[in-house]
């Protein structure tokens, strides 16, 4: 697999242009197109890879291209702590399989922004720190809008997405850049690499071992 060096700002711009090309902008008063009126982008990878930062940068680029944005973090759709931590605070299998409420993410965000959807989506459901409802209000994303979602372990779950980006860290880089308190999650990423093959299943692969010099498949 050939990778091309790129800077983070150029990468964000290129990804914004690529996802923008999948859905035409719709101006006020115009009818939405026959195909899906929204685009759903996911930036997948361990938090240490900088997924949230890249997703933020892509979201910042899109309005200038004529596309309103809904920015969502997968952590805002974690299951309640009573479910996530049922088997302990550091259960790898639970982290891998149970933490993300994929049903709620689909129901509240992905399906409303899919074909035939309403465009009415919920930015977050639960605060991952306090474990309380965020009481976020629904947002009406206009046709031509783009969802920018970030989070770990998003691929291989059947989520309806229009463009997927995987930020890859080598095992050594992942261990080095992950907070020691979170090292218990590392076996989940090893399993993810082995079972889901995100380097192959993502539409775009970004190698981020050196945070100063990413490279991508273009």
Foldseek 3Di string as FASTA:
>chain_A
DDWAWDFLLVVLLVVLVVQLVVADADDPPGDGDQAQQEAEEEEEEDVLLVSVVSLVSNQVNNVVVRAHEQEAEQLLQFDACCFLAVVHPLDQVSVLPHGGPLVLCCVAPQVLRHVPHQQWHFRGAADNVVSHGPPTHIDRGDGSYYYYYYDYNPPPPPGDHDAYEYEDEDLVLCVVRDDPVNVSNSVSVVVCCVPRVCVPPGPKYWYCSPVRIIIIPD
